[in-house]
């Protein structure tokens, strides 16, 4: 019975490591997506300023 407990403990440890790794990947993906959105919004805002500065008033 002791070996069963050790096997389950090792399996649980492996699942925990897998979950931690997956959480890291998902967090990085979310951060990268956020930066991409912010970069695009900043570029659009810059274009709006340039367009407005060239409009005849």
PDB file of N, CA and C in Angstrom:
ATOM      1  N   UNK A   1       0.819  -1.191   0.000  1.00  0.00           N
ATOM      2  CA  UNK A   1       0.000   0.000   0.000  1.00  0.00           C
ATOM      3  C   UNK A   1       0.863   1.254   0.000  1.00  0.00           C
ATOM      4  N   UNK A   2       1.998   1.145   0.618  1.00  0.00           N
ATOM      5  CA  UNK A   2       2.889   2.296   0.677  1.00  0.00           C
ATOM      6  C   UNK A   2       3.361   2.698  -0.726  1.00  0.00           C
ATOM      7  N   UNK A   3       3.608   1.713  -1.584  1.00  0.00           N
ATOM      8  CA  UNK A   3       4.051   2.027  -2.938  1.00  0.00           C
ATOM      9  C   UNK A   3       2.936   2.692  -3.742  1.00  0.00           C
ATOM     10  N   UNK A   4       1.677   2.310  -3.471  1.00  0.00           N
ATOM     11  CA  UNK A   4       0.554   2.972  -4.137  1.00  0.00           C
ATOM     12  C   UNK A   4       0.493   4.447  -3.757  1.00  0.00           C
ATOM     13  N   UNK A   5       0.710   4.712  -2.472  1.00  0.00           N
ATOM     14  CA  UNK A   5       0.683   6.096  -2.006  1.00  0.00           C
ATOM     15  C   UNK A   5       1.820   6.888  -2.641  1.00  0.00           C
ATOM     16  N   UNK A   6       2.987   6.279  -2.748  1.00  0.00           N
ATOM     17  CA  UNK A   6       4.133   6.947  -3.367  1.00  0.00           C
ATOM     18  C   UNK A   6       3.867   7.195  -4.850  1.00  0.00           C
ATOM     19  N   UNK A   7       3.240   6.231  -5.502  1.00  0.00           N
ATOM     20  CA  UNK A   7       2.930   6.384  -6.926  1.00  0.00           C
ATOM     21  C   UNK A   7       1.938   7.521  -7.145  1.00  0.00           C
ATOM     22  N   UNK A   8       0.908   7.567  -6.311  1.00  0.00           N
ATOM     23  CA  UNK A   8      -0.080   8.644  -6.418  1.00  0.00           C
ATOM     24  C   UNK A   8       0.548   9.998  -6.114  1.00  0.00           C
ATOM     25  N   UNK A   9       1.430  10.022  -5.149  1.00  0.00           N
ATOM     26  CA  UNK A   9       2.106  11.262  -4.787  1.00  0.00           C
ATOM     27  C   UNK A   9       2.954  11.764  -5.948  1.00  0.00           C
ATOM     28  N   UNK A  10       3.677  10.843  -6.577  1.00  0.00           N
ATOM     29  CA  UNK A  10       4.508  11.216  -7.720  1.00  0.00           C
ATOM     30  C   UNK A  10       3.640  11.675  -8.891  1.00  0.00           C
ATOM     31  N   UNK A  11       2.532  10.987  -9.120  1.00  0.00           N
ATOM     32  CA  UNK A  11       1.621  11.370 -10.201  1.00  0.00           C
ATOM     33  C   UNK A  11       1.036  12.761  -9.952  1.00  0.00           C
ATOM     34  N   UNK A  12       0.640  13.018  -8.702  1.00  0.00           N
ATOM     35  CA  UNK A  12       0.079  14.326  -8.359  1.00  0.00           C
ATOM     36  C   UNK A  12       1.119  15.423  -8.534  1.00  0.00           C
ATOM     37  N   UNK A  13       2.346  15.118  -8.175  1.00  0.00           N
ATOM     38  CA  UNK A  13       3.431  16.088  -8.345  1.00  0.00           C
ATOM     39  C   UNK A  13       3.624  16.404  -9.831  1.00  0.00           C
ATOM     40  N   UNK A  14       3.582  15.375 -10.670  1.00  0.00           N
ATOM     41  CA  UNK A  14       3.721  15.569 -12.118  1.00  0.00           C
ATOM     42  C   UNK A  14       2.591  16.410 -12.690  1.00  0.00           C
ATOM     43  N   UNK A  15       1.369  16.159 -12.233  1.00  0.00           N
ATOM     44  CA  UNK A  15       0.217  16.942 -12.695  1.00  0.00           C
ATOM     45  C   UNK A  15       0.366  18.395 -12.252  1.00  0.00           C
ATOM     46  N   UNK A  16       0.845  18.590 -11.031  1.00  0.00           N
ATOM     47  CA  UNK A  16       1.065  19.952 -10.532  1.00  0.00           C
ATOM     48  C   UNK A  16       2.078  20.701 -11.373  1.00  0.00           C
ATOM     49  N   UNK A  17       3.167  20.032 -11.754  1.00  0.00           N
ATOM     50  CA  UNK A  17       4.181  20.663 -12.594  1.00  0.00           C
ATOM     51  C   UNK A  17       3.610  20.997 -13.971  1.00  0.00           C
ATOM     52  N   UNK A  18       2.814  20.087 -14.507  1.00  0.00           N
ATOM     53  CA  UNK A  18       2.185  20.324 -15.808  1.00  0.00           C
ATOM     54  C   UNK A  18       1.250  21.534 -15.742  1.00  0.00           C
ATOM     55  N   UNK A  19       0.450  21.614 -14.687  1.00  0.00           N
ATOM     56  CA  UNK A  19      -0.469  22.746 -14.515  1.00  0.00           C
ATOM     57  C   UNK A  19       0.293  24.064 -14.360  1.00  0.00           C
ATOM     58  N   UNK A  20       1.376  24.044 -13.595  1.00  0.00           N
ATOM     59  CA  UNK A  20       2.189  25.249 -13.435  1.00  0.00           C
ATOM     60  C   UNK A  20       2.767  25.699 -14.773  1.00  0.00           C
ATOM     61  N   UNK A  21       3.243  24.741 -15.547  1.00  0.00           N
ATOM     62  CA  UNK A  21       3.788  25.069 -16.868  1.00  0.00           C
ATOM     63  C   UNK A  21       2.727  25.638 -17.791  1.00  0.00           C
ATOM     64  N   UNK A  22       1.569  25.037 -17.792  1.00  0.00           N
ATOM     65  CA  UNK A  22       0.469  25.514 -18.632  1.00  0.00           C
ATOM     66  C   UNK A  22       0.028  26.902 -18.198  1.00  0.00           C
ATOM     67  N   UNK A  23      -0.040  27.140 -16.895  1.00  0.00           N
ATOM     68  CA  UNK A  23      -0.417  28.462 -16.397  1.00  0.00           C
ATOM     69  C   UNK A  23       0.575  29.517 -16.871  1.00  0.00           C
ATOM     70  N   UNK A  24       1.855  29.184 -16.863  1.00  0.00           N
ATOM     71  CA  UNK A  24       2.876  30.112 -17.341  1.00  0.00           C
ATOM     72  C   UNK A  24       2.707  30.438 -18.816  1.00  0.00           C
ATOM     73  N   UNK A  25       2.436  29.411 -19.614  1.00  0.00           N
ATOM     74  CA  UNK A  25       2.240  29.617 -21.048  1.00  0.00           C
ATOM     75  C   UNK A  25       1.018  30.494 -21.298  1.00  0.00           C
ATOM     76  N   UNK A  26      -0.081  30.203 -20.613  1.00  0.00           N
ATOM     77  CA  UNK A  26      -1.307  30.986 -20.804  1.00  0.00           C
ATOM     78  C   UNK A  26      -1.129  32.428 -20.343  1.00  0.00           C
ATOM     79  N   UNK A  27      -0.427  32.621 -19.239  1.00  0.00           N
ATOM     80  CA  UNK A  27      -0.181  33.978 -18.753  1.00  0.00           C
ATOM     81  C   UNK A  27       0.661  34.766 -19.754  1.00  0.00           C
ATOM     82  N   UNK A  28       1.704  34.145 -20.287  1.00  0.00           N
ATOM     83  CA  UNK A  28       2.554  34.817 -21.265  1.00  0.00           C
ATOM     84  C   UNK A  28       1.757  35.155 -22.522  1.00  0.00           C
ATOM     85  N   UNK A  29       0.925  34.222 -22.953  1.00  0.00           N
ATOM     86  CA  UNK A  29       0.096  34.457 -24.134  1.00  0.00           C
ATOM     87  C   UNK A  29      -0.837  35.642 -23.902  1.00  0.00           C
ATOM     88  N   UNK A  30      -1.452  35.698 -22.736  1.00  0.00           N
ATOM     89  CA  UNK A  30      -2.342  36.818 -22.420  1.00  0.00           C
ATOM     90  C   UNK A  30      -1.595  38.128 -22.369  1.00  0.00           C
ATOM     91  N   UNK A  31      -0.415  38.146 -21.770  1.00  0.00           N
ATOM     92  CA  UNK A  31       0.382  39.367 -21.707  1.00  0.00           C
ATOM     93  C   UNK A  31       0.803  39.820 -23.095  1.00  0.00           C
ATOM     94  N   UNK A  32       1.211  38.881 -23.943  1.00  0.00           N
ATOM     95  CA  UNK A  32       1.603  39.220 -25.310  1.00  0.00           C
ATOM     96  C   UNK A  32       0.415  39.796 -26.077  1.00  0.00           C
ATOM     97  N   UNK A  33      -0.754  39.220 -25.896  1.00  0.00           N
ATOM     98  CA  UNK A  33      -1.943  39.716 -26.580  1.00  0.00           C
ATOM     99  C   UNK A  33      -2.285  41.119 -26.103  1.00  0.00           C
ATOM    100  N   UNK A  34      -2.173  41.377 -24.820  1.00  0.00           N
ATOM    101  CA  UNK A  34      -2.465  42.695 -24.269  1.00  0.00           C
ATOM    102  C   UNK A  34      -1.517  43.727 -24.854  1.00  0.00           C
ATOM    103  N   UNK A  35      -0.232  43.411 -24.899  1.00  0.00           N
ATOM    104  CA  UNK A  35       0.742  44.342 -25.462  1.00  0.00           C
ATOM    105  C   UNK A  35       0.448  44.607 -26.925  1.00  0.00           C
ATOM    106  N   UNK A  36       0.041  43.601 -27.651  1.00  0.00           N
ATOM    107  CA  UNK A  36      -0.273  43.774 -29.066  1.00  0.00           C
ATOM    108  C   UNK A  36      -1.446  44.733 -29.232  1.00  0.00           C
ATOM    109  N   UNK A  37      -2.496  44.554 -28.441  1.00  0.00           N
ATOM    110  CA  UNK A  37      -3.647  45.443 -28.512  1.00  0.00           C
ATOM    111  C   UNK A  37      -3.252  46.878 -28.175  1.00  0.00           C
ATOM    112  N   UNK A  38      -2.449  47.043 -27.132  1.00  0.00           N
ATOM    113  CA  UNK A  38      -2.020  48.385 -26.736  1.00  0.00           C
ATOM    114  C   UNK A  38      -1.165  49.021 -27.819  1.00  0.00           C
ATOM    115  N   UNK A  39      -0.306  48.253 -28.432  1.00  0.00           N
ATOM    116  CA  UNK A  39       0.549  48.779 -29.500  1.00  0.00           C
ATOM    117  C   UNK A  39      -0.291  49.228 -30.688  1.00  0.00           C
ATOM    118  N   UNK A  40      -1.285  48.435 -31.042  1.00  0.00           N
ATOM    119  CA  UNK A  40      -2.159  48.799 -32.158  1.00  0.00           C
ATOM    120  C   UNK A  40      -2.951  50.064 -31.829  1.00  0.00           C
ATOM    121  N   UNK A  41      -3.486  50.143 -30.619  1.00  0.00           N
ATOM    122  CA  UNK A  41      -4.239  51.338 -30.216  1.00  0.00           C
ATOM    123  C   UNK A  41      -3.351  52.572 -30.249  1.00  0.00           C
ATOM    124  N   UNK A  42      -2.101  52.445 -29.819  1.00  0.00           N
ATOM    125  CA  UNK A  42      -1.178  53.584 -29.836  1.00  0.00           C
ATOM    126  C   UNK A  42      -0.882  54.013 -31.265  1.00  0.00           C
ATOM    127  N   UNK A  43      -0.711  53.054 -32.167  1.00  0.00           N
ATOM    128  CA  UNK A  43      -0.463  53.394 -33.566  1.00  0.00           C
ATOM    129  C   UNK A  43      -1.671  54.092 -34.183  1.00  0.00           C
ATOM    130  N   UNK A  44      -2.870  53.611 -33.897  1.00  0.00           N
ATOM    131  CA  UNK A  44      -4.091  54.243 -34.419  1.00  0.00           C
ATOM    132  C   UNK A  44      -4.233  55.655 -33.868  1.00  0.00           C
ATOM    133  N   UNK A  45      -3.971  55.826 -32.573  1.00  0.00           N
ATOM    134  CA  UNK A  45      -4.047  57.158 -31.970  1.00  0.00           C
ATOM    135  C   UNK A  45      -3.048  58.090 -32.638  1.00  0.00           C
ATOM    136  N   UNK A  46      -1.854  57.607 -32.936  1.00  0.00           N
ATOM    137  CA  UNK A  46      -0.850  58.416 -33.624  1.00  0.00           C
ATOM    138  C   UNK A  46      -1.308  58.811 -35.017  1.00  0.00           C
ATOM    139  N   UNK A  47      -1.958  57.879 -35.714  1.00  0.00           N
ATOM    140  CA  UNK A  47      -2.479  58.196 -37.042  1.00  0.00           C
ATOM    141  C   UNK A  47      -3.565  59.257 -36.970  1.00  0.00           C
ATOM    142  N   UNK A  48      -4.429  59.162 -35.967  1.00  0.00           N
ATOM    143  CA  UNK A  48      -5.501  60.145 -35.808  1.00  0.00           C
ATOM    144  C   UNK A  48      -4.916  61.538 -35.595  1.00  0.00           C
ATOM    145  N   UNK A  49      -3.875  61.633 -34.791  1.00  0.00           N
ATOM    146  CA  UNK A  49      -3.238  62.919 -34.534  1.00  0.00           C
ATOM    147  C   UNK A  49      -2.636  63.463 -35.824  1.00  0.00           C
ATOM    148  N   UNK A  50      -1.983  62.602 -36.595  1.00  0.00           N
ATOM    149  CA  UNK A  50      -1.383  63.053 -37.842  1.00  0.00           C
ATOM    150  C   UNK A  50      -2.443  63.506 -38.836  1.00  0.00           C
ATOM    151  N   UNK A  51      -3.554  62.781 -38.912  1.00  0.00           N
ATOM    152  CA  UNK A  51      -4.639  63.154 -39.835  1.00  0.00           C
ATOM    153  C   UNK A  51      -5.244  64.487 -39.408  1.00  0.00           C
ATOM    154  N   UNK A  52      -5.496  64.651 -38.114  1.00  0.00           N
ATOM    155  CA  UNK A  52      -6.087  65.890 -37.615  1.00  0.00           C
ATOM    156  C   UNK A  52      -5.160  67.075 -37.858  1.00  0.00           C
ATOM    157  N   UNK A  53      -3.868  66.899 -37.762  1.00  0.00           N
ATOM    158  CA  UNK A  53      -2.929  68.003 -37.956  1.00  0.00           C
ATOM    159  C   UNK A  53      -2.856  68.429 -39.421  1.00  0.00           C
ATOM    160  N   UNK A  54      -3.276  67.568 -40.347  1.00  0.00           N
ATOM    161  CA  UNK A  54      -3.234  67.905 -41.767  1.00  0.00           C
ATOM    162  C   UNK A  54      -4.581  68.407 -42.285  1.00  0.00           C
ATOM    163  N   UNK A  55      -5.606  68.362 -41.467  1.00  0.00           N
ATOM    164  CA  UNK A  55      -6.925  68.815 -41.920  1.00  0.00           C
ATOM    165  C   UNK A  55      -6.968  70.339 -41.947  1.00  0.00           C
ATOM    166  N   UNK A  56      -7.673  70.860 -42.940  1.00  0.00           N
ATOM    167  CA  UNK A  56      -7.861  72.311 -43.014  1.00  0.00           C
ATOM    168  C   UNK A  56      -8.941  72.729 -42.027  1.00  0.00           C
ATOM    169  N   UNK A  57      -8.675  73.731 -41.282  1.00  0.00           N
ATOM    170  CA  UNK A  57      -9.645  74.201 -40.287  1.00  0.00           C
ATOM    171  C   UNK A  57     -10.356  75.411 -40.824  1.00  0.00           C
TER     172      UNK A  57
END
